[in-house]
Amino acid sequence: MSELISATAPSARSRAAAGSAARNPSALGAPPDRRGRLLDTPLLVLTRLETPLGDMIAVTDDAAVHLFEFHDRTALASEMRRIERRCGAVAEGTTAASDALAGELSEYFAGTRTTFTARIVQRGTPFTTQVWAALREIPCGETRSYSQIADRIGRPAAVRAVARANGANQVAILVPCHRVIGADGTLVGYGGKLWRKQWLLDHERRLERLF
């Protein structure tokens, strides 16, 4: 089966520009330190990944995934601004983490993988991070309601807050907020669009039968 995920490689022009910048750091408009290194060299890299559900945007460093969203998510622009305020400019290219993510996603969409090994870095309140951790406990092929997640973290009255934390997740699929549905079984909201949520749940139900 052909590979379903591919990381966009830099163009020849961008590679040449990068080489020029490496030889002459001031060409990027930022002063080098005493060893010639840029003081504001981006620590994070944006990579566009192709999937059967449309392009997705990954922001990674060499060790972790910081953001992974569908390209048309409404909140993507504001999420990127928050990352840039916190970490500085985000360059375009690939990292070891984005390459590993692309490979695992290819296997997931091909039906040969149900879990991911990527290290994930997201910033949130203690409550929000507790919800995100609970999302990662939902097995592939299963769903939970917001109230079940609230019960799981010991906050049964915080159903609405759980819904907000679920919606604030910015690492789609890996932190599987798509596996959370309404108490009556309806799909309810999903930032990546409901048709994708339905596709992912159907895909994972098929995977569950295979593993």
C-alpha atoms as a PDB file:
ATOM      1  CA  MET A   1       0.000   0.000   0.000  1.00  0.00           C
ATOM      2  CA  SER A   2       1.308   3.449  -0.849  1.00  0.00           C
ATOM      3  CA  GLU A   3       2.303   5.814   1.903  1.00  0.00           C
ATOM      4  CA  LEU A   4      -0.643   7.944   3.014  1.00  0.00           C
ATOM      5  CA  ILE A   5       1.328  10.605   4.865  1.00  0.00           C
ATOM      6  CA  SER A   6       4.108  12.751   3.508  1.00  0.00           C
ATOM      7  CA  ALA A   7       6.006  15.615   5.067  1.00  0.00           C
ATOM      8  CA  THR A   8       6.437  18.636   2.841  1.00  0.00           C
ATOM      9  CA  ALA A   9      10.138  19.068   2.119  1.00  0.00           C
ATOM     10  CA  PRO A  10      11.678  22.537   1.775  1.00  0.00           C
ATOM     11  CA  SER A  11      12.052  23.777  -1.780  1.00  0.00           C
ATOM     12  CA  ALA A  12      15.442  24.147  -3.423  1.00  0.00           C
ATOM     13  CA  ARG A  13      15.096  27.899  -2.980  1.00  0.00           C
ATOM     14  CA  SER A  14      14.389  27.604   0.745  1.00  0.00           C
ATOM     15  CA  ARG A  15      17.293  25.161   1.144  1.00  0.00           C
ATOM     16  CA  ALA A  16      19.592  27.602  -0.596  1.00  0.00           C
ATOM     17  CA  ALA A  17      18.340  30.437   1.613  1.00  0.00           C
ATOM     18  CA  ALA A  18      18.933  28.322   4.669  1.00  0.00           C
ATOM     19  CA  GLY A  19      22.463  27.585   3.538  1.00  0.00           C
ATOM     20  CA  SER A  20      23.111  31.266   2.958  1.00  0.00           C
ATOM     21  CA  ALA A  21      21.729  32.110   6.387  1.00  0.00           C
ATOM     22  CA  ALA A  22      23.928  29.484   8.001  1.00  0.00           C
ATOM     23  CA  ARG A  23      26.983  31.065   6.381  1.00  0.00           C
ATOM     24  CA  ASN A  24      25.828  34.591   7.194  1.00  0.00           C
ATOM     25  CA  PRO A  25      23.485  34.700  10.229  1.00  0.00           C
ATOM     26  CA  SER A  26      22.807  38.422   9.902  1.00  0.00           C
ATOM     27  CA  ALA A  27      21.088  37.669   6.558  1.00  0.00           C
ATOM     28  CA  LEU A  28      17.994  36.667   8.528  1.00  0.00           C
ATOM     29  CA  GLY A  29      17.842  40.077  10.141  1.00  0.00           C
ATOM     30  CA  ALA A  30      18.818  38.894  13.618  1.00  0.00           C
ATOM     31  CA  PRO A  31      22.136  39.577  15.340  1.00  0.00           C
ATOM     32  CA  PRO A  32      24.405  36.580  15.971  1.00  0.00           C
ATOM     33  CA  ASP A  33      25.944  35.942  19.364  1.00  0.00           C
ATOM     34  CA  ARG A  34      29.711  35.819  19.869  1.00  0.00           C
ATOM     35  CA  ARG A  35      29.897  32.344  18.349  1.00  0.00           C
ATOM     36  CA  GLY A  36      27.950  33.389  15.266  1.00  0.00           C
ATOM     37  CA  ARG A  37      24.676  31.709  16.308  1.00  0.00           C
ATOM     38  CA  LEU A  38      21.350  33.521  15.894  1.00  0.00           C
ATOM     39  CA  LEU A  39      19.936  34.729  19.165  1.00  0.00           C
ATOM     40  CA  ASP A  40      16.367  34.145  17.942  1.00  0.00           C
ATOM     41  CA  THR A  41      16.854  30.888  16.031  1.00  0.00           C
ATOM     42  CA  PRO A  42      13.395  29.226  15.988  1.00  0.00           C
ATOM     43  CA  LEU A  43      13.138  26.258  18.302  1.00  0.00           C
ATOM     44  CA  LEU A  44       9.914  24.995  16.739  1.00  0.00           C
ATOM     45  CA  VAL A  45       9.229  23.868  13.184  1.00  0.00           C
ATOM     46  CA  LEU A  46       5.971  23.763  11.225  1.00  0.00           C
ATOM     47  CA  THR A  47       5.401  20.800   8.899  1.00  0.00           C
ATOM     48  CA  ARG A  48       2.416  20.218   6.639  1.00  0.00           C
ATOM     49  CA  LEU A  49       1.332  16.559   6.535  1.00  0.00           C
ATOM     50  CA  GLU A  50      -1.031  15.074   3.969  1.00  0.00           C
ATOM     51  CA  THR A  51      -3.732  12.715   5.263  1.00  0.00           C
ATOM     52  CA  PRO A  52      -6.878  11.116   3.834  1.00  0.00           C
ATOM     53  CA  LEU A  53      -8.841  13.769   5.748  1.00  0.00           C
ATOM     54  CA  GLY A  54      -6.950  16.716   4.311  1.00  0.00           C
ATOM     55  CA  ASP A  55      -3.748  18.491   5.234  1.00  0.00           C
ATOM     56  CA  MET A  56      -2.722  18.718   8.870  1.00  0.00           C
ATOM     57  CA  ILE A  57      -0.293  21.125  10.502  1.00  0.00           C
ATOM     58  CA  ALA A  58       2.325  19.804  12.925  1.00  0.00           C
ATOM     59  CA  VAL A  59       4.486  22.035  15.112  1.00  0.00           C
ATOM     60  CA  THR A  60       7.381  20.106  16.601  1.00  0.00           C
ATOM     61  CA  ASP A  61      10.876  20.302  17.940  1.00  0.00           C
ATOM     62  CA  ASP A  62      13.274  17.384  17.602  1.00  0.00           C
ATOM     63  CA  ALA A  63      11.825  15.651  20.651  1.00  0.00           C
ATOM     64  CA  ALA A  64       8.103  16.427  20.889  1.00  0.00           C
ATOM     65  CA  VAL A  65       4.850  17.436  19.216  1.00  0.00           C
ATOM     66  CA  HIS A  66       3.509  20.812  20.346  1.00  0.00           C
ATOM     67  CA  LEU A  67       0.553  21.160  17.990  1.00  0.00           C
ATOM     68  CA  PHE A  68      -1.191  18.934  15.454  1.00  0.00           C
ATOM     69  CA  GLU A  69      -4.328  20.304  13.842  1.00  0.00           C
ATOM     70  CA  PHE A  70      -6.350  20.122  10.654  1.00  0.00           C
ATOM     71  CA  HIS A  71      -5.385  22.970   8.360  1.00  0.00           C
ATOM     72  CA  ASP A  72      -8.898  24.468   8.333  1.00  0.00           C
ATOM     73  CA  ARG A  73      -9.533  24.428  12.082  1.00  0.00           C
ATOM     74  CA  THR A  74     -10.964  27.830  12.978  1.00  0.00           C
ATOM     75  CA  ALA A  75      -8.830  28.149  16.097  1.00  0.00           C
ATOM     76  CA  LEU A  76      -5.554  27.292  14.344  1.00  0.00           C
ATOM     77  CA  ALA A  77      -4.473  30.906  13.783  1.00  0.00           C
ATOM     78  CA  SER A  78      -4.969  31.840  17.441  1.00  0.00           C
ATOM     79  CA  GLU A  79      -3.222  28.644  18.562  1.00  0.00           C
ATOM     80  CA  MET A  80      -0.221  29.515  16.397  1.00  0.00           C
ATOM     81  CA  ARG A  81      -0.105  33.035  17.813  1.00  0.00           C
ATOM     82  CA  ARG A  82      -0.008  31.654  21.357  1.00  0.00           C
ATOM     83  CA  ILE A  83       2.834  29.309  20.479  1.00  0.00           C
ATOM     84  CA  GLU A  84       4.795  32.125  18.823  1.00  0.00           C
ATOM     85  CA  ARG A  85       4.294  34.430  21.804  1.00  0.00           C
ATOM     86  CA  ARG A  86       5.577  31.696  24.087  1.00  0.00           C
ATOM     87  CA  CYS A  87       8.364  30.210  21.981  1.00  0.00           C
ATOM     88  CA  GLY A  88       9.213  32.758  19.302  1.00  0.00           C
ATOM     89  CA  ALA A  89       9.069  32.437  15.533  1.00  0.00           C
ATOM     90  CA  VAL A  90       8.173  29.056  14.054  1.00  0.00           C
ATOM     91  CA  ALA A  91      10.211  27.990  11.017  1.00  0.00           C
ATOM     92  CA  GLU A  92       8.975  25.732   8.214  1.00  0.00           C
ATOM     93  CA  GLY A  93      10.624  22.375   7.586  1.00  0.00           C
ATOM     94  CA  THR A  94      10.846  18.991   9.262  1.00  0.00           C
ATOM     95  CA  THR A  95      12.240  17.548  12.486  1.00  0.00           C
ATOM     96  CA  ALA A  96      12.942  14.079  13.805  1.00  0.00           C
ATOM     97  CA  ALA A  97       9.620  14.296  15.674  1.00  0.00           C
ATOM     98  CA  SER A  98       7.626  15.323  12.589  1.00  0.00           C
ATOM     99  CA  ASP A  99       9.218  12.522  10.549  1.00  0.00           C
ATOM    100  CA  ALA A 100       8.317   9.983  13.239  1.00  0.00           C
ATOM    101  CA  LEU A 101       4.792  11.380  13.463  1.00  0.00           C
ATOM    102  CA  ALA A 102       4.347  11.125   9.695  1.00  0.00           C
ATOM    103  CA  GLY A 103       5.391   7.479   9.773  1.00  0.00           C
ATOM    104  CA  GLU A 104       3.057   6.562  12.623  1.00  0.00           C
ATOM    105  CA  LEU A 105       0.141   8.425  11.042  1.00  0.00           C
ATOM    106  CA  SER A 106       0.707   6.550   7.805  1.00  0.00           C
ATOM    107  CA  GLU A 107       0.384   3.285   9.717  1.00  0.00           C
ATOM    108  CA  TYR A 108      -2.690   4.537  11.592  1.00  0.00           C
ATOM    109  CA  PHE A 109      -4.533   5.484   8.418  1.00  0.00           C
ATOM    110  CA  ALA A 110      -3.393   2.289   6.725  1.00  0.00           C
ATOM    111  CA  GLY A 111      -5.003   0.307   9.551  1.00  0.00           C
ATOM    112  CA  THR A 112      -1.863  -1.153  11.127  1.00  0.00           C
ATOM    113  CA  ARG A 113      -1.479   1.095  14.202  1.00  0.00           C
ATOM    114  CA  THR A 114      -3.827   2.057  17.050  1.00  0.00           C
ATOM    115  CA  THR A 115      -1.474   3.915  19.406  1.00  0.00           C
ATOM    116  CA  PHE A 116       1.177   6.615  19.069  1.00  0.00           C
ATOM    117  CA  THR A 117       4.572   6.956  20.711  1.00  0.00           C
ATOM    118  CA  ALA A 118       5.138  10.690  20.208  1.00  0.00           C
ATOM    119  CA  ARG A 119       6.023  12.817  23.214  1.00  0.00           C
ATOM    120  CA  ILE A 120       3.434  15.587  23.491  1.00  0.00           C
ATOM    121  CA  VAL A 121       3.962  19.052  24.950  1.00  0.00           C
ATOM    122  CA  GLN A 122       0.839  21.110  25.654  1.00  0.00           C
ATOM    123  CA  ARG A 123       0.447  23.922  28.145  1.00  0.00           C
ATOM    124  CA  GLY A 124      -2.711  24.203  30.204  1.00  0.00           C
ATOM    125  CA  THR A 125      -4.070  24.496  33.709  1.00  0.00           C
ATOM    126  CA  PRO A 126      -3.756  21.503  36.037  1.00  0.00           C
ATOM    127  CA  PHE A 127      -7.430  20.732  35.372  1.00  0.00           C
ATOM    128  CA  THR A 128      -7.020  20.953  31.597  1.00  0.00           C
ATOM    129  CA  THR A 129      -3.942  18.726  31.572  1.00  0.00           C
ATOM    130  CA  GLN A 130      -5.811  16.220  33.734  1.00  0.00           C
ATOM    131  CA  VAL A 131      -8.580  16.090  31.131  1.00  0.00           C
ATOM    132  CA  TRP A 132      -6.076  15.670  28.296  1.00  0.00           C
ATOM    133  CA  ALA A 133      -4.453  12.790  30.171  1.00  0.00           C
ATOM    134  CA  ALA A 134      -7.867  11.143  30.561  1.00  0.00           C
ATOM    135  CA  LEU A 135      -8.486  11.485  26.819  1.00  0.00           C
ATOM    136  CA  ARG A 136      -5.320   9.506  26.108  1.00  0.00           C
ATOM    137  CA  GLU A 137      -6.651   6.676  28.248  1.00  0.00           C
ATOM    138  CA  ILE A 138      -9.647   6.103  25.947  1.00  0.00           C
ATOM    139  CA  PRO A 139      -8.827   2.996  23.895  1.00  0.00           C
ATOM    140  CA  CYS A 140      -8.953   3.136  20.120  1.00  0.00           C
ATOM    141  CA  GLY A 141     -12.398   2.021  18.957  1.00  0.00           C
ATOM    142  CA  GLU A 142     -14.179   3.222  22.091  1.00  0.00           C
ATOM    143  CA  THR A 143     -15.853   6.483  23.109  1.00  0.00           C
ATOM    144  CA  ARG A 144     -16.611   8.301  26.354  1.00  0.00           C
ATOM    145  CA  SER A 145     -19.090  11.011  27.257  1.00  0.00           C
ATOM    146  CA  TYR A 146     -18.093  14.308  28.852  1.00  0.00           C
ATOM    147  CA  SER A 147     -19.707  13.157  32.092  1.00  0.00           C
ATOM    148  CA  GLN A 148     -17.685   9.937  32.037  1.00  0.00           C
ATOM    149  CA  ILE A 149     -14.478  11.940  31.666  1.00  0.00           C
ATOM    150  CA  ALA A 150     -15.568  14.182  34.549  1.00  0.00           C
ATOM    151  CA  ASP A 151     -16.168  11.105  36.688  1.00  0.00           C
ATOM    152  CA  ARG A 152     -12.830   9.640  35.641  1.00  0.00           C
ATOM    153  CA  ILE A 153     -10.878  12.638  36.920  1.00  0.00           C
ATOM    154  CA  GLY A 154     -12.914  12.849  40.123  1.00  0.00           C
ATOM    155  CA  ARG A 155     -14.814  16.016  39.153  1.00  0.00           C
ATOM    156  CA  PRO A 156     -18.348  14.759  38.369  1.00  0.00           C
ATOM    157  CA  ALA A 157     -19.890  18.233  38.519  1.00  0.00           C
ATOM    158  CA  ALA A 158     -17.389  19.733  36.056  1.00  0.00           C
ATOM    159  CA  VAL A 159     -18.938  18.425  32.850  1.00  0.00           C
ATOM    160  CA  ARG A 160     -18.955  21.820  31.106  1.00  0.00           C
ATOM    161  CA  ALA A 161     -15.367  22.495  32.133  1.00  0.00           C
ATOM    162  CA  VAL A 162     -14.406  19.096  30.734  1.00  0.00           C
ATOM    163  CA  ALA A 163     -16.056  20.048  27.442  1.00  0.00           C
ATOM    164  CA  ARG A 164     -14.044  23.279  27.330  1.00  0.00           C
ATOM    165  CA  ALA A 165     -10.793  21.463  28.091  1.00  0.00           C
ATOM    166  CA  ASN A 166     -11.607  18.906  25.413  1.00  0.00           C
ATOM    167  CA  GLY A 167     -12.128  21.703  22.905  1.00  0.00           C
ATOM    168  CA  ALA A 168      -8.857  23.369  23.949  1.00  0.00           C
ATOM    169  CA  ASN A 169      -6.820  20.322  22.930  1.00  0.00           C
ATOM    170  CA  GLN A 170      -4.464  21.265  20.096  1.00  0.00           C
ATOM    171  CA  VAL A 171      -2.949  17.855  19.360  1.00  0.00           C
ATOM    172  CA  ALA A 172      -5.630  16.128  17.304  1.00  0.00           C
ATOM    173  CA  ILE A 173      -5.812  12.326  16.952  1.00  0.00           C
ATOM    174  CA  LEU A 174      -2.849  11.734  19.296  1.00  0.00           C
ATOM    175  CA  VAL A 175      -4.818  13.248  22.167  1.00  0.00           C
ATOM    176  CA  PRO A 176      -8.102  11.758  20.949  1.00  0.00           C
ATOM    177  CA  CYS A 177     -10.694  14.402  21.754  1.00  0.00           C
ATOM    178  CA  HIS A 178     -12.687  12.965  18.834  1.00  0.00           C
ATOM    179  CA  ARG A 179     -13.508   9.958  21.062  1.00  0.00           C
ATOM    180  CA  VAL A 180     -15.644  12.111  23.366  1.00  0.00           C
ATOM    181  CA  ILE A 181     -19.335  12.252  22.459  1.00  0.00           C
ATOM    182  CA  GLY A 182     -22.590  13.451  24.012  1.00  0.00           C
ATOM    183  CA  ALA A 183     -24.312  11.463  26.737  1.00  0.00           C
ATOM    184  CA  ASP A 184     -27.024  10.546  24.225  1.00  0.00           C
ATOM    185  CA  GLY A 185     -24.486   9.236  21.717  1.00  0.00           C
ATOM    186  CA  THR A 186     -24.498  12.265  19.405  1.00  0.00           C
ATOM    187  CA  LEU A 187     -21.209  13.529  18.042  1.00  0.00           C
ATOM    188  CA  VAL A 188     -21.574  17.098  19.381  1.00  0.00           C
ATOM    189  CA  GLY A 189     -18.749  19.542  18.636  1.00  0.00           C
ATOM    190  CA  TYR A 190     -15.358  18.930  17.055  1.00  0.00           C
ATOM    191  CA  GLY A 191     -12.930  21.632  15.938  1.00  0.00           C
ATOM    192  CA  GLY A 192     -11.758  19.484  13.030  1.00  0.00           C
ATOM    193  CA  LYS A 193     -15.375  19.316  11.730  1.00  0.00           C
ATOM    194  CA  LEU A 194     -17.969  16.680  12.542  1.00  0.00           C
ATOM    195  CA  TRP A 195     -17.562  14.736   9.293  1.00  0.00           C
ATOM    196  CA  ARG A 196     -13.922  14.071  10.234  1.00  0.00           C
ATOM    197  CA  LYS A 197     -14.926  13.020  13.739  1.00  0.00           C
ATOM    198  CA  GLN A 198     -17.378  10.499  12.283  1.00  0.00           C
ATOM    199  CA  TRP A 199     -14.718   9.236   9.853  1.00  0.00           C
ATOM    200  CA  LEU A 200     -12.165   8.776  12.638  1.00  0.00           C
ATOM    201  CA  LEU A 201     -14.614   6.916  14.887  1.00  0.00           C
ATOM    202  CA  ASP A 202     -15.686   4.622  12.026  1.00  0.00           C
ATOM    203  CA  HIS A 203     -12.043   3.991  11.117  1.00  0.00           C
ATOM    204  CA  GLU A 204     -11.133   3.147  14.707  1.00  0.00           C
ATOM    205  CA  ARG A 205     -14.067   0.783  15.088  1.00  0.00           C
ATOM    206  CA  ARG A 206     -12.716  -1.123  12.105  1.00  0.00           C
ATOM    207  CA  LEU A 207      -9.236  -1.115  13.663  1.00  0.00           C
ATOM    208  CA  GLU A 208     -10.635  -2.477  16.925  1.00  0.00           C
ATOM    209  CA  ARG A 209     -11.863  -5.555  15.078  1.00  0.00           C
ATOM    210  CA  LEU A 210      -8.403  -6.136  13.628  1.00  0.00           C
ATOM    211  CA  PHE A 211      -6.382  -5.909  16.868  1.00  0.00           C
END
